[in-house]
Amino acid sequence: MTSFLKTLIGLLLRTVLLLMGLVFLLSLLAAALVLLAFWVLRALWARLTGRPVQPLAFAVLRRAQWQRFYRPAAAQAARDADVIDVESRQVGPDPHDKLGR
């Protein structure tokens, strides 16, 4: 009886995993078809307006992404030193301070 139950659960698990894989594949296919339809409409509009058809291109600048988070200390100090004209004044105690500081 337990081997039949193990076989049944294994078959059910394989079926669920197969269905999950098919849903994932269909979602990727749908995303690709939406992107293709967008490009076809864009190319058709370019043809109708007399412009050249441009390919879809995605530029990835890895150096810019890396430098966004890891800036040198000199650049940080230069950015902090941008304040040039400051008028200083003495700040007195707050008259509404209830702690008597």
N, C-alpha and C. Protein backbone atom coordinates (compact mmCIF):
# COMPACT_ATOMS: atom_id res chain seq x y z
N MET A 1 0.81 -1.19 0.00
CA MET A 1 0.00 0.00 0.00
C MET A 1 0.86 1.26 0.00
N THR A 2 1.95 1.29 0.76
CA THR A 2 2.78 2.49 0.81
C THR A 2 3.52 2.72 -0.50
N SER A 3 3.91 1.67 -1.21
CA SER A 3 4.59 1.86 -2.49
C SER A 3 3.62 2.44 -3.51
N PHE A 4 2.34 2.03 -3.45
CA PHE A 4 1.33 2.61 -4.34
C PHE A 4 1.13 4.09 -4.02
N LEU A 5 1.12 4.45 -2.74
CA LEU A 5 0.95 5.84 -2.33
C LEU A 5 2.15 6.68 -2.75
N LYS A 6 3.37 6.13 -2.60
CA LYS A 6 4.58 6.83 -3.04
C LYS A 6 4.56 7.04 -4.54
N THR A 7 4.13 6.05 -5.28
CA THR A 7 4.06 6.17 -6.74
C THR A 7 3.03 7.22 -7.14
N LEU A 8 1.89 7.22 -6.46
CA LEU A 8 0.84 8.18 -6.76
C LEU A 8 1.28 9.61 -6.44
N ILE A 9 1.93 9.81 -5.31
CA ILE A 9 2.42 11.14 -4.95
C ILE A 9 3.52 11.59 -5.90
N GLY A 10 4.41 10.67 -6.28
CA GLY A 10 5.46 11.01 -7.25
C GLY A 10 4.89 11.40 -8.59
N LEU A 11 3.87 10.68 -9.04
CA LEU A 11 3.23 11.01 -10.31
C LEU A 11 2.53 12.36 -10.24
N LEU A 12 1.87 12.62 -9.12
CA LEU A 12 1.21 13.91 -8.92
C LEU A 12 2.22 15.05 -8.89
N LEU A 13 3.34 14.85 -8.21
CA LEU A 13 4.38 15.87 -8.14
C LEU A 13 4.97 16.15 -9.53
N ARG A 14 5.23 15.10 -10.29
CA ARG A 14 5.76 15.28 -11.65
C ARG A 14 4.77 16.02 -12.53
N THR A 15 3.48 15.71 -12.38
CA THR A 15 2.46 16.39 -13.17
C THR A 15 2.39 17.87 -12.82
N VAL A 16 2.44 18.18 -11.54
CA VAL A 16 2.40 19.58 -11.10
C VAL A 16 3.63 20.33 -11.61
N LEU A 17 4.80 19.72 -11.51
CA LEU A 17 6.02 20.38 -11.99
C LEU A 17 5.98 20.56 -13.51
N LEU A 18 5.44 19.59 -14.23
CA LEU A 18 5.31 19.72 -15.68
C LEU A 18 4.38 20.87 -16.03
N LEU A 19 3.26 20.98 -15.32
CA LEU A 19 2.33 22.08 -15.58
C LEU A 19 2.95 23.43 -15.24
N MET A 20 3.72 23.49 -14.17
CA MET A 20 4.40 24.74 -13.81
C MET A 20 5.41 25.14 -14.89
N GLY A 21 6.13 24.17 -15.41
CA GLY A 21 7.07 24.44 -16.49
C GLY A 21 6.37 24.92 -17.75
N LEU A 22 5.22 24.32 -18.06
CA LEU A 22 4.47 24.76 -19.24
C LEU A 22 3.93 26.18 -19.06
N VAL A 23 3.47 26.52 -17.87
CA VAL A 23 2.99 27.88 -17.62
C VAL A 23 4.14 28.87 -17.77
N PHE A 24 5.31 28.52 -17.26
CA PHE A 24 6.47 29.40 -17.39
C PHE A 24 6.86 29.58 -18.86
N LEU A 25 6.87 28.49 -19.60
CA LEU A 25 7.20 28.56 -21.03
C LEU A 25 6.20 29.40 -21.79
N LEU A 26 4.91 29.24 -21.48
CA LEU A 26 3.89 30.03 -22.16
C LEU A 26 3.98 31.51 -21.79
N SER A 27 4.37 31.82 -20.56
CA SER A 27 4.53 33.23 -20.18
C SER A 27 5.72 33.86 -20.91
N LEU A 28 6.80 33.11 -21.06
CA LEU A 28 7.93 33.62 -21.84
C LEU A 28 7.55 33.82 -23.30
N LEU A 29 6.80 32.89 -23.84
CA LEU A 29 6.35 33.01 -25.22
C LEU A 29 5.43 34.21 -25.39
N ALA A 30 4.54 34.44 -24.44
CA ALA A 30 3.64 35.60 -24.51
C ALA A 30 4.43 36.91 -24.43
N ALA A 31 5.43 36.96 -23.55
CA ALA A 31 6.26 38.18 -23.45
C ALA A 31 7.02 38.43 -24.76
N ALA A 32 7.53 37.37 -25.37
CA ALA A 32 8.24 37.52 -26.64
C ALA A 32 7.29 37.98 -27.74
N LEU A 33 6.06 37.48 -27.75
CA LEU A 33 5.10 37.90 -28.76
C LEU A 33 4.68 39.36 -28.56
N VAL A 34 4.56 39.80 -27.33
CA VAL A 34 4.24 41.21 -27.07
C VAL A 34 5.37 42.11 -27.54
N LEU A 35 6.61 41.70 -27.27
CA LEU A 35 7.76 42.47 -27.73
C LEU A 35 7.84 42.50 -29.26
N LEU A 36 7.55 41.37 -29.88
CA LEU A 36 7.55 41.30 -31.35
C LEU A 36 6.46 42.19 -31.93
N ALA A 37 5.28 42.18 -31.33
CA ALA A 37 4.19 43.03 -31.83
C ALA A 37 4.55 44.51 -31.67
N PHE A 38 5.18 44.86 -30.55
CA PHE A 38 5.62 46.24 -30.35
C PHE A 38 6.62 46.65 -31.43
N TRP A 39 7.57 45.77 -31.73
CA TRP A 39 8.57 46.12 -32.73
C TRP A 39 7.96 46.22 -34.12
N VAL A 40 7.01 45.33 -34.43
CA VAL A 40 6.37 45.38 -35.75
C VAL A 40 5.57 46.68 -35.90
N LEU A 41 4.85 47.07 -34.86
CA LEU A 41 4.11 48.33 -34.93
C LEU A 41 5.05 49.53 -35.06
N ARG A 42 6.16 49.46 -34.35
CA ARG A 42 7.15 50.53 -34.43
C ARG A 42 7.78 50.60 -35.82
N ALA A 43 8.08 49.45 -36.41
CA ALA A 43 8.65 49.41 -37.76
C ALA A 43 7.63 49.88 -38.79
N LEU A 44 6.38 49.49 -38.61
CA LEU A 44 5.33 49.92 -39.53
C LEU A 44 5.15 51.44 -39.47
N TRP A 45 5.17 51.99 -38.26
CA TRP A 45 5.05 53.44 -38.11
C TRP A 45 6.25 54.16 -38.74
N ALA A 46 7.42 53.58 -38.60
CA ALA A 46 8.61 54.19 -39.21
C ALA A 46 8.50 54.16 -40.73
N ARG A 47 7.99 53.07 -41.28
CA ARG A 47 7.81 52.99 -42.74
C ARG A 47 6.77 54.00 -43.23
N LEU A 48 5.69 54.14 -42.47
CA LEU A 48 4.64 55.07 -42.88
C LEU A 48 5.10 56.51 -42.82
N THR A 49 5.95 56.84 -41.87
CA THR A 49 6.43 58.22 -41.74
C THR A 49 7.69 58.48 -42.54
N GLY A 50 8.24 57.48 -43.21
CA GLY A 50 9.41 57.67 -44.06
C GLY A 50 10.73 57.63 -43.33
N ARG A 51 10.74 57.18 -42.10
CA ARG A 51 11.98 57.09 -41.33
C ARG A 51 12.58 55.69 -41.49
N PRO A 52 13.87 55.56 -41.26
CA PRO A 52 14.46 54.22 -41.32
C PRO A 52 14.03 53.37 -40.12
N VAL A 53 13.91 52.09 -40.34
CA VAL A 53 13.52 51.18 -39.27
C VAL A 53 14.74 50.90 -38.40
N GLN A 54 14.61 51.23 -37.13
CA GLN A 54 15.71 51.04 -36.18
C GLN A 54 15.51 49.74 -35.41
N PRO A 55 16.56 48.98 -35.20
CA PRO A 55 16.41 47.77 -34.38
C PRO A 55 16.26 48.15 -32.90
N LEU A 56 15.65 47.26 -32.16
CA LEU A 56 15.56 47.47 -30.71
C LEU A 56 16.92 47.15 -30.10
N ALA A 57 17.44 48.07 -29.37
CA ALA A 57 18.75 47.87 -28.75
C ALA A 57 18.68 48.32 -27.29
N PHE A 58 19.24 47.51 -26.44
CA PHE A 58 19.28 47.82 -25.01
C PHE A 58 20.73 47.97 -24.61
N ALA A 59 21.12 49.17 -24.22
CA ALA A 59 22.50 49.43 -23.84
C ALA A 59 22.66 49.18 -22.34
N VAL A 60 23.63 48.39 -21.99
CA VAL A 60 23.92 48.11 -20.60
C VAL A 60 25.34 48.61 -20.33
N LEU A 61 25.45 49.63 -19.50
CA LEU A 61 26.75 50.19 -19.15
C LEU A 61 27.11 49.69 -17.76
N ARG A 62 27.87 48.63 -17.70
CA ARG A 62 28.20 48.01 -16.42
C ARG A 62 29.07 48.93 -15.56
N ARG A 63 29.95 49.69 -16.18
CA ARG A 63 30.81 50.58 -15.41
C ARG A 63 29.99 51.64 -14.69
N ALA A 64 28.98 52.19 -15.37
CA ALA A 64 28.15 53.21 -14.75
C ALA A 64 27.35 52.62 -13.59
N GLN A 65 26.88 51.40 -13.74
CA GLN A 65 26.14 50.78 -12.65
C GLN A 65 27.05 50.51 -11.46
N TRP A 66 28.25 50.09 -11.72
CA TRP A 66 29.18 49.79 -10.64
C TRP A 66 29.59 51.08 -9.91
N GLN A 67 29.87 52.13 -10.67
CA GLN A 67 30.33 53.38 -10.07
C GLN A 67 29.21 54.11 -9.33
N ARG A 68 27.99 53.76 -9.61
CA ARG A 68 26.89 54.39 -8.90
C ARG A 68 26.90 54.04 -7.42
N PHE A 69 27.35 52.87 -7.08
CA PHE A 69 27.36 52.43 -5.70
C PHE A 69 28.74 52.51 -5.06
N TYR A 70 29.80 52.45 -5.86
CA TYR A 70 31.15 52.44 -5.32
C TYR A 70 31.91 53.65 -5.86
N ARG A 71 31.62 54.80 -5.28
CA ARG A 71 32.32 56.02 -5.68
C ARG A 71 33.57 56.17 -4.85
N PRO A 72 34.62 56.73 -5.44
CA PRO A 72 35.83 56.97 -4.65
C PRO A 72 35.58 58.01 -3.56
N ALA A 73 36.39 57.97 -2.52
CA ALA A 73 36.22 58.89 -1.39
C ALA A 73 36.46 60.33 -1.81
N ALA A 74 37.34 60.57 -2.78
CA ALA A 74 37.61 61.93 -3.24
C ALA A 74 36.37 62.55 -3.88
N ALA A 75 35.64 61.75 -4.62
CA ALA A 75 34.41 62.26 -5.24
C ALA A 75 33.37 62.57 -4.19
N GLN A 76 33.31 61.75 -3.15
CA GLN A 76 32.36 62.01 -2.06
C GLN A 76 32.74 63.29 -1.32
N ALA A 77 34.04 63.50 -1.06
CA ALA A 77 34.49 64.71 -0.37
C ALA A 77 34.24 65.94 -1.23
N ALA A 78 34.46 65.83 -2.54
CA ALA A 78 34.23 66.95 -3.43
C ALA A 78 32.75 67.30 -3.47
N ARG A 79 31.89 66.29 -3.42
CA ARG A 79 30.46 66.55 -3.44
C ARG A 79 30.01 67.18 -2.13
N ASP A 80 30.63 66.79 -1.00
CA ASP A 80 30.28 67.37 0.28
C ASP A 80 30.83 68.79 0.43
N ALA A 81 31.86 69.14 -0.32
CA ALA A 81 32.48 70.46 -0.21
C ALA A 81 31.82 71.47 -1.15
N ASP A 82 30.67 71.18 -1.69
CA ASP A 82 30.01 72.09 -2.61
C ASP A 82 29.37 73.29 -1.91
N VAL A 83 29.15 73.22 -0.62
CA VAL A 83 28.55 74.34 0.11
C VAL A 83 29.63 75.38 0.34
N ILE A 84 29.43 76.57 -0.21
CA ILE A 84 30.47 77.60 -0.15
C ILE A 84 30.04 78.77 0.72
N ASP A 85 28.83 79.27 0.53
CA ASP A 85 28.38 80.49 1.19
C ASP A 85 27.37 80.13 2.27
N VAL A 86 27.79 80.24 3.53
CA VAL A 86 26.91 79.92 4.65
C VAL A 86 26.96 81.07 5.64
N GLU A 87 25.81 81.53 6.07
CA GLU A 87 25.74 82.55 7.10
C GLU A 87 25.45 81.85 8.41
N SER A 88 26.39 81.91 9.33
CA SER A 88 26.18 81.24 10.62
C SER A 88 25.56 82.21 11.61
N ARG A 89 24.77 81.68 12.55
CA ARG A 89 24.16 82.49 13.58
C ARG A 89 24.02 81.62 14.82
N GLN A 90 23.99 82.27 15.96
CA GLN A 90 23.85 81.57 17.23
C GLN A 90 22.39 81.20 17.44
N VAL A 91 22.15 79.99 17.82
CA VAL A 91 20.78 79.53 18.05
C VAL A 91 20.58 79.46 19.54
N GLY A 92 19.61 80.19 20.02
CA GLY A 92 19.32 80.22 21.45
C GLY A 92 18.41 79.07 21.86
N PRO A 93 18.14 78.98 23.16
CA PRO A 93 17.26 77.91 23.62
C PRO A 93 15.83 78.14 23.14
N ASP A 94 15.13 77.06 22.95
CA ASP A 94 13.76 77.12 22.49
C ASP A 94 12.86 77.53 23.65
N PRO A 95 12.05 78.58 23.52
CA PRO A 95 11.21 79.00 24.64
C PRO A 95 10.11 77.99 24.95
N HIS A 96 9.84 77.09 24.05
CA HIS A 96 8.79 76.08 24.27
C HIS A 96 9.37 74.77 24.76
N ASP A 97 10.63 74.76 25.14
CA ASP A 97 11.27 73.53 25.61
C ASP A 97 10.78 73.23 27.03
N LYS A 98 10.11 72.13 27.23
CA LYS A 98 9.50 71.80 28.51
C LYS A 98 10.48 71.10 29.46
N LEU A 99 11.64 70.69 28.95
CA LEU A 99 12.59 69.98 29.81
C LEU A 99 13.55 70.94 30.50
N GLY A 100 13.53 72.22 30.14
CA GLY A 100 14.38 73.20 30.79
C GLY A 100 15.82 73.14 30.34
N ARG A 101 16.06 72.66 29.17
CA ARG A 101 17.44 72.59 28.67
C ARG A 101 17.89 73.91 28.15
